[in-house]
Amino acid sequence: MLRLIREGKVPQVNKDNQENDASMFIQQRMRGILARKFVERLRSEEMEFLGMQRKKKTPEEERNDPI
């Protein structure tokens, strides 16, 4: 690996590049997680609207539920 760095085939890793890469990695992962949550919420709302999924019970309905 050091030979490749010396020959200039692999860019030398410095602290700034490492921090930038790490922050970009975290941002990408968080965007993906948030996008999946958003899509899941949209899907469940659409399924409720179409009648393919039951509506969530309100807190009062849950209190009065015998089960």
PDB file of N, CA and C in Angstrom:
ATOM      1  N   MET A   1       0.822  -1.184   0.000  1.00  0.00           N
ATOM      2  CA  MET A   1       0.000   0.000   0.000  1.00  0.00           C
ATOM      3  C   MET A   1       0.869   1.252   0.000  1.00  0.00           C
ATOM      4  N   LEU A   2       1.912   1.265   0.807  1.00  0.00           N
ATOM      5  CA  LEU A   2       2.790   2.426   0.855  1.00  0.00           C
ATOM      6  C   LEU A   2       3.465   2.665  -0.487  1.00  0.00           C
ATOM      7  N   ARG A   3       3.784   1.577  -1.188  1.00  0.00           N
ATOM      8  CA  ARG A   3       4.404   1.707  -2.507  1.00  0.00           C
ATOM      9  C   ARG A   3       3.465   2.409  -3.469  1.00  0.00           C
ATOM     10  N   LEU A   4       2.183   2.045  -3.427  1.00  0.00           N
ATOM     11  CA  LEU A   4       1.206   2.672  -4.310  1.00  0.00           C
ATOM     12  C   LEU A   4       1.028   4.152  -3.983  1.00  0.00           C
ATOM     13  N   ILE A   5       1.091   4.500  -2.708  1.00  0.00           N
ATOM     14  CA  ILE A   5       0.979   5.898  -2.308  1.00  0.00           C
ATOM     15  C   ILE A   5       2.193   6.680  -2.809  1.00  0.00           C
ATOM     16  N   ARG A   6       3.385   6.096  -2.656  1.00  0.00           N
ATOM     17  CA  ARG A   6       4.603   6.759  -3.117  1.00  0.00           C
ATOM     18  C   ARG A   6       4.575   6.975  -4.624  1.00  0.00           C
ATOM     19  N   GLU A   7       4.070   6.005  -5.369  1.00  0.00           N
ATOM     20  CA  GLU A   7       4.022   6.118  -6.827  1.00  0.00           C
ATOM     21  C   GLU A   7       2.909   7.048  -7.288  1.00  0.00           C
ATOM     22  N   GLY A   8       2.020   7.436  -6.375  1.00  0.00           N
ATOM     23  CA  GLY A   8       0.964   8.375  -6.717  1.00  0.00           C
ATOM     24  C   GLY A   8      -0.271   7.708  -7.298  1.00  0.00           C
ATOM     25  N   LYS A   9      -0.370   6.399  -7.205  1.00  0.00           N
ATOM     26  CA  LYS A   9      -1.523   5.694  -7.751  1.00  0.00           C
ATOM     27  C   LYS A   9      -2.721   5.750  -6.806  1.00  0.00           C
ATOM     28  N   VAL A  10      -2.456   5.914  -5.526  1.00  0.00           N
ATOM     29  CA  VAL A  10      -3.514   6.032  -4.523  1.00  0.00           C
ATOM     30  C   VAL A  10      -3.301   7.363  -3.811  1.00  0.00           C
ATOM     31  N   PRO A  11      -4.346   8.193  -3.747  1.00  0.00           N
ATOM     32  CA  PRO A  11      -4.145   9.474  -3.063  1.00  0.00           C
ATOM     33  C   PRO A  11      -3.856   9.261  -1.582  1.00  0.00           C
ATOM     34  N   GLN A  12      -2.949  10.082  -1.074  1.00  0.00           N
ATOM     35  CA  GLN A  12      -2.573   9.961   0.330  1.00  0.00           C
ATOM     36  C   GLN A  12      -3.744  10.422   1.204  1.00  0.00           C
ATOM     37  N   VAL A  13      -4.017   9.661   2.228  1.00  0.00           N
ATOM     38  CA  VAL A  13      -5.132   9.955   3.115  1.00  0.00           C
ATOM     39  C   VAL A  13      -4.652  10.928   4.186  1.00  0.00           C
ATOM     40  N   ASN A  14      -5.345  12.068   4.276  1.00  0.00           N
ATOM     41  CA  ASN A  14      -5.012  12.989   5.357  1.00  0.00           C
ATOM     42  C   ASN A  14      -6.238  13.139   6.252  1.00  0.00           C
ATOM     43  N   LYS A  15      -6.076  13.839   7.327  1.00  0.00           N
ATOM     44  CA  LYS A  15      -7.128  13.949   8.348  1.00  0.00           C
ATOM     45  C   LYS A  15      -8.384  14.614   7.790  1.00  0.00           C
ATOM     46  N   ASP A  16      -8.218  15.685   6.993  1.00  0.00           N
ATOM     47  CA  ASP A  16      -9.385  16.394   6.440  1.00  0.00           C
ATOM     48  C   ASP A  16     -10.182  15.502   5.497  1.00  0.00           C
ATOM     49  N   ASN A  17      -9.496  14.815   4.605  1.00  0.00           N
ATOM     50  CA  ASN A  17     -10.195  13.925   3.667  1.00  0.00           C
ATOM     51  C   ASN A  17     -10.909  12.808   4.406  1.00  0.00           C
ATOM     52  N   GLN A  18     -10.282  12.293   5.436  1.00  0.00           N
ATOM     53  CA  GLN A  18     -10.871  11.212   6.213  1.00  0.00           C
ATOM     54  C   GLN A  18     -12.142  11.693   6.916  1.00  0.00           C
ATOM     55  N   GLU A  19     -12.104  12.896   7.485  1.00  0.00           N
ATOM     56  CA  GLU A  19     -13.277  13.447   8.160  1.00  0.00           C
ATOM     57  C   GLU A  19     -14.393  13.728   7.161  1.00  0.00           C
ATOM     58  N   ASN A  20     -14.046  14.268   5.992  1.00  0.00           N
ATOM     59  CA  ASN A  20     -15.052  14.542   4.969  1.00  0.00           C
ATOM     60  C   ASN A  20     -15.710  13.259   4.482  1.00  0.00           C
ATOM     61  N   ASP A  21     -14.902  12.240   4.255  1.00  0.00           N
ATOM     62  CA  ASP A  21     -15.444  10.959   3.798  1.00  0.00           C
ATOM     63  C   ASP A  21     -16.365  10.346   4.857  1.00  0.00           C
ATOM     64  N   ALA A  22     -15.958  10.452   6.119  1.00  0.00           N
ATOM     65  CA  ALA A  22     -16.773   9.889   7.196  1.00  0.00           C
ATOM     66  C   ALA A  22     -18.094  10.637   7.316  1.00  0.00           C
ATOM     67  N   SER A  23     -18.056  11.963   7.224  1.00  0.00           N
ATOM     68  CA  SER A  23     -19.299  12.733   7.341  1.00  0.00           C
ATOM     69  C   SER A  23     -20.216  12.475   6.150  1.00  0.00           C
ATOM     70  N   MET A  24     -19.650  12.325   4.941  1.00  0.00           N
ATOM     71  CA  MET A  24     -20.470  12.008   3.773  1.00  0.00           C
ATOM     72  C   MET A  24     -21.109  10.636   3.917  1.00  0.00           C
ATOM     73  N   PHE A  25     -20.370   9.678   4.456  1.00  0.00           N
ATOM     74  CA  PHE A  25     -20.892   8.331   4.659  1.00  0.00           C
ATOM     75  C   PHE A  25     -22.076   8.363   5.627  1.00  0.00           C
ATOM     76  N   ILE A  26     -21.924   9.088   6.730  1.00  0.00           N
ATOM     77  CA  ILE A  26     -23.000   9.177   7.725  1.00  0.00           C
ATOM     78  C   ILE A  26     -24.219   9.875   7.134  1.00  0.00           C
ATOM     79  N   GLN A  27     -23.997  10.959   6.378  1.00  0.00           N
ATOM     80  CA  GLN A  27     -25.106  11.677   5.760  1.00  0.00           C
ATOM     81  C   GLN A  27     -25.860  10.795   4.770  1.00  0.00           C
ATOM     82  N   GLN A  28     -25.128  10.025   3.976  1.00  0.00           N
ATOM     83  CA  GLN A  28     -25.772   9.131   3.012  1.00  0.00           C
ATOM     84  C   GLN A  28     -26.636   8.100   3.722  1.00  0.00           C
ATOM     85  N   ARG A  29     -26.101   7.522   4.763  1.00  0.00           N
ATOM     86  CA  ARG A  29     -26.862   6.504   5.501  1.00  0.00           C
ATOM     87  C   ARG A  29     -28.112   7.108   6.141  1.00  0.00           C
ATOM     88  N   MET A  30     -27.986   8.287   6.745  1.00  0.00           N
ATOM     89  CA  MET A  30     -29.133   8.912   7.398  1.00  0.00           C
ATOM     90  C   MET A  30     -30.199   9.310   6.376  1.00  0.00           C
ATOM     91  N   ARG A  31     -29.768   9.819   5.208  1.00  0.00           N
ATOM     92  CA  ARG A  31     -30.740  10.153   4.173  1.00  0.00           C
ATOM     93  C   ARG A  31     -31.500   8.913   3.733  1.00  0.00           C
ATOM     94  N   GLY A  32     -30.795   7.800   3.603  1.00  0.00           N
ATOM     95  CA  GLY A  32     -31.445   6.554   3.219  1.00  0.00           C
ATOM     96  C   GLY A  32     -32.446   6.090   4.259  1.00  0.00           C
ATOM     97  N   ILE A  33     -32.058   6.151   5.523  1.00  0.00           N
ATOM     98  CA  ILE A  33     -32.948   5.728   6.607  1.00  0.00           C
ATOM     99  C   ILE A  33     -34.195   6.602   6.641  1.00  0.00           C
ATOM    100  N   LEU A  34     -34.003   7.925   6.554  1.00  0.00           N
ATOM    101  CA  LEU A  34     -35.138   8.842   6.601  1.00  0.00           C
ATOM    102  C   LEU A  34     -36.043   8.670   5.386  1.00  0.00           C
ATOM    103  N   ALA A  35     -35.457   8.423   4.222  1.00  0.00           N
ATOM    104  CA  ALA A  35     -36.263   8.218   3.019  1.00  0.00           C
ATOM    105  C   ALA A  35     -37.100   6.952   3.140  1.00  0.00           C
ATOM    106  N   ARG A  36     -36.507   5.878   3.676  1.00  0.00           N
ATOM    107  CA  ARG A  36     -37.263   4.633   3.852  1.00  0.00           C
ATOM    108  C   ARG A  36     -38.409   4.811   4.842  1.00  0.00           C
ATOM    109  N   LYS A  37     -38.180   5.552   5.936  1.00  0.00           N
ATOM    110  CA  LYS A  37     -39.252   5.818   6.897  1.00  0.00           C
ATOM    111  C   LYS A  37     -40.374   6.618   6.253  1.00  0.00           C
ATOM    112  N   PHE A  38     -40.017   7.625   5.454  1.00  0.00           N
ATOM    113  CA  PHE A  38     -40.999   8.466   4.790  1.00  0.00           C
ATOM    114  C   PHE A  38     -41.846   7.641   3.827  1.00  0.00           C
ATOM    115  N   VAL A  39     -41.196   6.793   3.036  1.00  0.00           N
ATOM    116  CA  VAL A  39     -41.920   5.961   2.071  1.00  0.00           C
ATOM    117  C   VAL A  39     -42.823   4.969   2.792  1.00  0.00           C
ATOM    118  N   GLU A  40     -42.368   4.408   3.883  1.00  0.00           N
ATOM    119  CA  GLU A  40     -43.184   3.462   4.644  1.00  0.00           C
ATOM    120  C   GLU A  40     -44.435   4.151   5.182  1.00  0.00           C
ATOM    121  N   ARG A  41     -44.274   5.384   5.666  1.00  0.00           N
ATOM    122  CA  ARG A  41     -45.423   6.139   6.166  1.00  0.00           C
ATOM    123  C   ARG A  41     -46.412   6.443   5.042  1.00  0.00           C
ATOM    124  N   LEU A  42     -45.880   6.836   3.880  1.00  0.00           N
ATOM    125  CA  LEU A  42     -46.754   7.096   2.734  1.00  0.00           C
ATOM    126  C   LEU A  42     -47.501   5.834   2.311  1.00  0.00           C
ATOM    127  N   ARG A  43     -46.806   4.709   2.323  1.00  0.00           N
ATOM    128  CA  ARG A  43     -47.447   3.442   1.947  1.00  0.00           C
ATOM    129  C   ARG A  43     -48.569   3.083   2.901  1.00  0.00           C
ATOM    130  N   SER A  44     -48.314   3.229   4.198  1.00  0.00           N
ATOM    131  CA  SER A  44     -49.351   2.851   5.165  1.00  0.00           C
ATOM    132  C   SER A  44     -50.554   3.788   5.049  1.00  0.00           C
ATOM    133  N   GLU A  45     -50.315   5.083   4.814  1.00  0.00           N
ATOM    134  CA  GLU A  45     -51.431   6.008   4.626  1.00  0.00           C
ATOM    135  C   GLU A  45     -52.245   5.633   3.390  1.00  0.00           C
ATOM    136  N   GLU A  46     -51.561   5.277   2.322  1.00  0.00           N
ATOM    137  CA  GLU A  46     -52.262   4.904   1.090  1.00  0.00           C
ATOM    138  C   GLU A  46     -53.039   3.600   1.280  1.00  0.00           C
ATOM    139  N   MET A  47     -52.457   2.653   2.001  1.00  0.00           N
ATOM    140  CA  MET A  47     -53.145   1.379   2.247  1.00  0.00           C
ATOM    141  C   MET A  47     -54.396   1.611   3.105  1.00  0.00           C
ATOM    142  N   GLU A  48     -54.317   2.502   4.099  1.00  0.00           N
ATOM    143  CA  GLU A  48     -55.491   2.831   4.906  1.00  0.00           C
ATOM    144  C   GLU A  48     -56.556   3.485   4.037  1.00  0.00           C
ATOM    145  N   PHE A  49     -56.151   4.393   3.167  1.00  0.00           N
ATOM    146  CA  PHE A  49     -57.093   5.081   2.299  1.00  0.00           C
ATOM    147  C   PHE A  49     -57.806   4.100   1.360  1.00  0.00           C
ATOM    148  N   LEU A  50     -57.072   3.136   0.857  1.00  0.00           N
ATOM    149  CA  LEU A  50     -57.647   2.154  -0.062  1.00  0.00           C
ATOM    150  C   LEU A  50     -58.449   1.075   0.661  1.00  0.00           C
ATOM    151  N   GLY A  51     -58.341   1.025   1.971  1.00  0.00           N
ATOM    152  CA  GLY A  51     -59.060   0.018   2.737  1.00  0.00           C
ATOM    153  C   GLY A  51     -58.348  -1.308   2.798  1.00  0.00           C
ATOM    154  N   MET A  52     -57.090  -1.334   2.487  1.00  0.00           N
ATOM    155  CA  MET A  52     -56.313  -2.576   2.502  1.00  0.00           C
ATOM    156  C   MET A  52     -55.615  -2.779   3.848  1.00  0.00           C
ATOM    157  N   GLN A  53     -55.702  -1.780   4.699  1.00  0.00           N
ATOM    158  CA  GLN A  53     -55.079  -1.853   6.016  1.00  0.00           C
ATOM    159  C   GLN A  53     -56.022  -1.163   6.998  1.00  0.00           C
ATOM    160  N   ARG A  54     -56.105  -1.692   8.210  1.00  0.00           N
ATOM    161  CA  ARG A  54     -56.990  -1.090   9.208  1.00  0.00           C
ATOM    162  C   ARG A  54     -56.409   0.216   9.708  1.00  0.00           C
ATOM    163  N   LYS A  55     -57.318   1.104  10.076  1.00  0.00           N
ATOM    164  CA  LYS A  55     -56.886   2.376  10.633  1.00  0.00           C
ATOM    165  C   LYS A  55     -56.368   2.150  12.043  1.00  0.00           C
ATOM    166  N   LYS A  56     -55.427   2.958  12.446  1.00  0.00           N
ATOM    167  CA  LYS A  56     -54.889   2.863  13.797  1.00  0.00           C
ATOM    168  C   LYS A  56     -55.942   3.349  14.783  1.00  0.00           C
ATOM    169  N   LYS A  57     -55.971   2.702  15.921  1.00  0.00           N
ATOM    170  CA  LYS A  57     -56.941   3.077  16.950  1.00  0.00           C
ATOM    171  C   LYS A  57     -56.467   4.317  17.680  1.00  0.00           C
ATOM    172  N   THR A  58     -57.432   5.127  18.066  1.00  0.00           N
ATOM    173  CA  THR A  58     -57.113   6.303  18.872  1.00  0.00           C
ATOM    174  C   THR A  58     -56.839   5.841  20.305  1.00  0.00           C
ATOM    175  N   PRO A  59     -56.184   6.655  21.101  1.00  0.00           N
ATOM    176  CA  PRO A  59     -55.922   6.267  22.496  1.00  0.00           C
ATOM    177  C   PRO A  59     -57.198   5.932  23.265  1.00  0.00           C
ATOM    178  N   GLU A  60     -58.289   6.635  22.970  1.00  0.00           N
ATOM    179  CA  GLU A  60     -59.549   6.350  23.665  1.00  0.00           C
ATOM    180  C   GLU A  60     -60.097   4.984  23.253  1.00  0.00           C
ATOM    181  N   GLU A  61     -59.994   4.664  21.968  1.00  0.00           N
ATOM    182  CA  GLU A  61     -60.451   3.348  21.504  1.00  0.00           C
ATOM    183  C   GLU A  61     -59.616   2.229  22.115  1.00  0.00           C
ATOM    184  N   GLU A  62     -58.316   2.459  22.256  1.00  0.00           N
ATOM    185  CA  GLU A  62     -57.458   1.446  22.862  1.00  0.00           C
ATOM    186  C   GLU A  62     -57.807   1.237  24.334  1.00  0.00           C
ATOM    187  N   ARG A  63     -58.181   2.295  25.049  1.00  0.00           N
ATOM    188  CA  ARG A  63     -58.550   2.194  26.454  1.00  0.00           C
ATOM    189  C   ARG A  63     -59.839   1.381  26.618  1.00  0.00           C
ATOM    190  N   ASN A  64     -60.793   1.567  25.687  1.00  0.00           N
ATOM    191  CA  ASN A  64     -62.082   0.888  25.771  1.00  0.00           C
ATOM    192  C   ASN A  64     -62.069  -0.482  25.111  1.00  0.00           C
ATOM    193  N   ASP A  65     -60.959  -0.864  24.528  1.00  0.00           N
ATOM    194  CA  ASP A  65     -60.862  -2.151  23.838  1.00  0.00           C
ATOM    195  C   ASP A  65     -60.799  -3.291  24.862  1.00  0.00           C
ATOM    196  N   PRO A  66     -61.721  -4.281  24.772  1.00  0.00           N
ATOM    197  CA  PRO A  66     -61.707  -5.365  25.759  1.00  0.00           C
ATOM    198  C   PRO A  66     -60.504  -6.291  25.611  1.00  0.00           C
ATOM    199  N   ILE A  67     -59.872  -6.303  24.473  1.00  0.00           N
ATOM    200  CA  ILE A  67     -58.719  -7.170  24.256  1.00  0.00           C
ATOM    201  C   ILE A  67     -57.501  -6.443  24.730  1.00  0.00           C
TER     202      ILE A  67
END
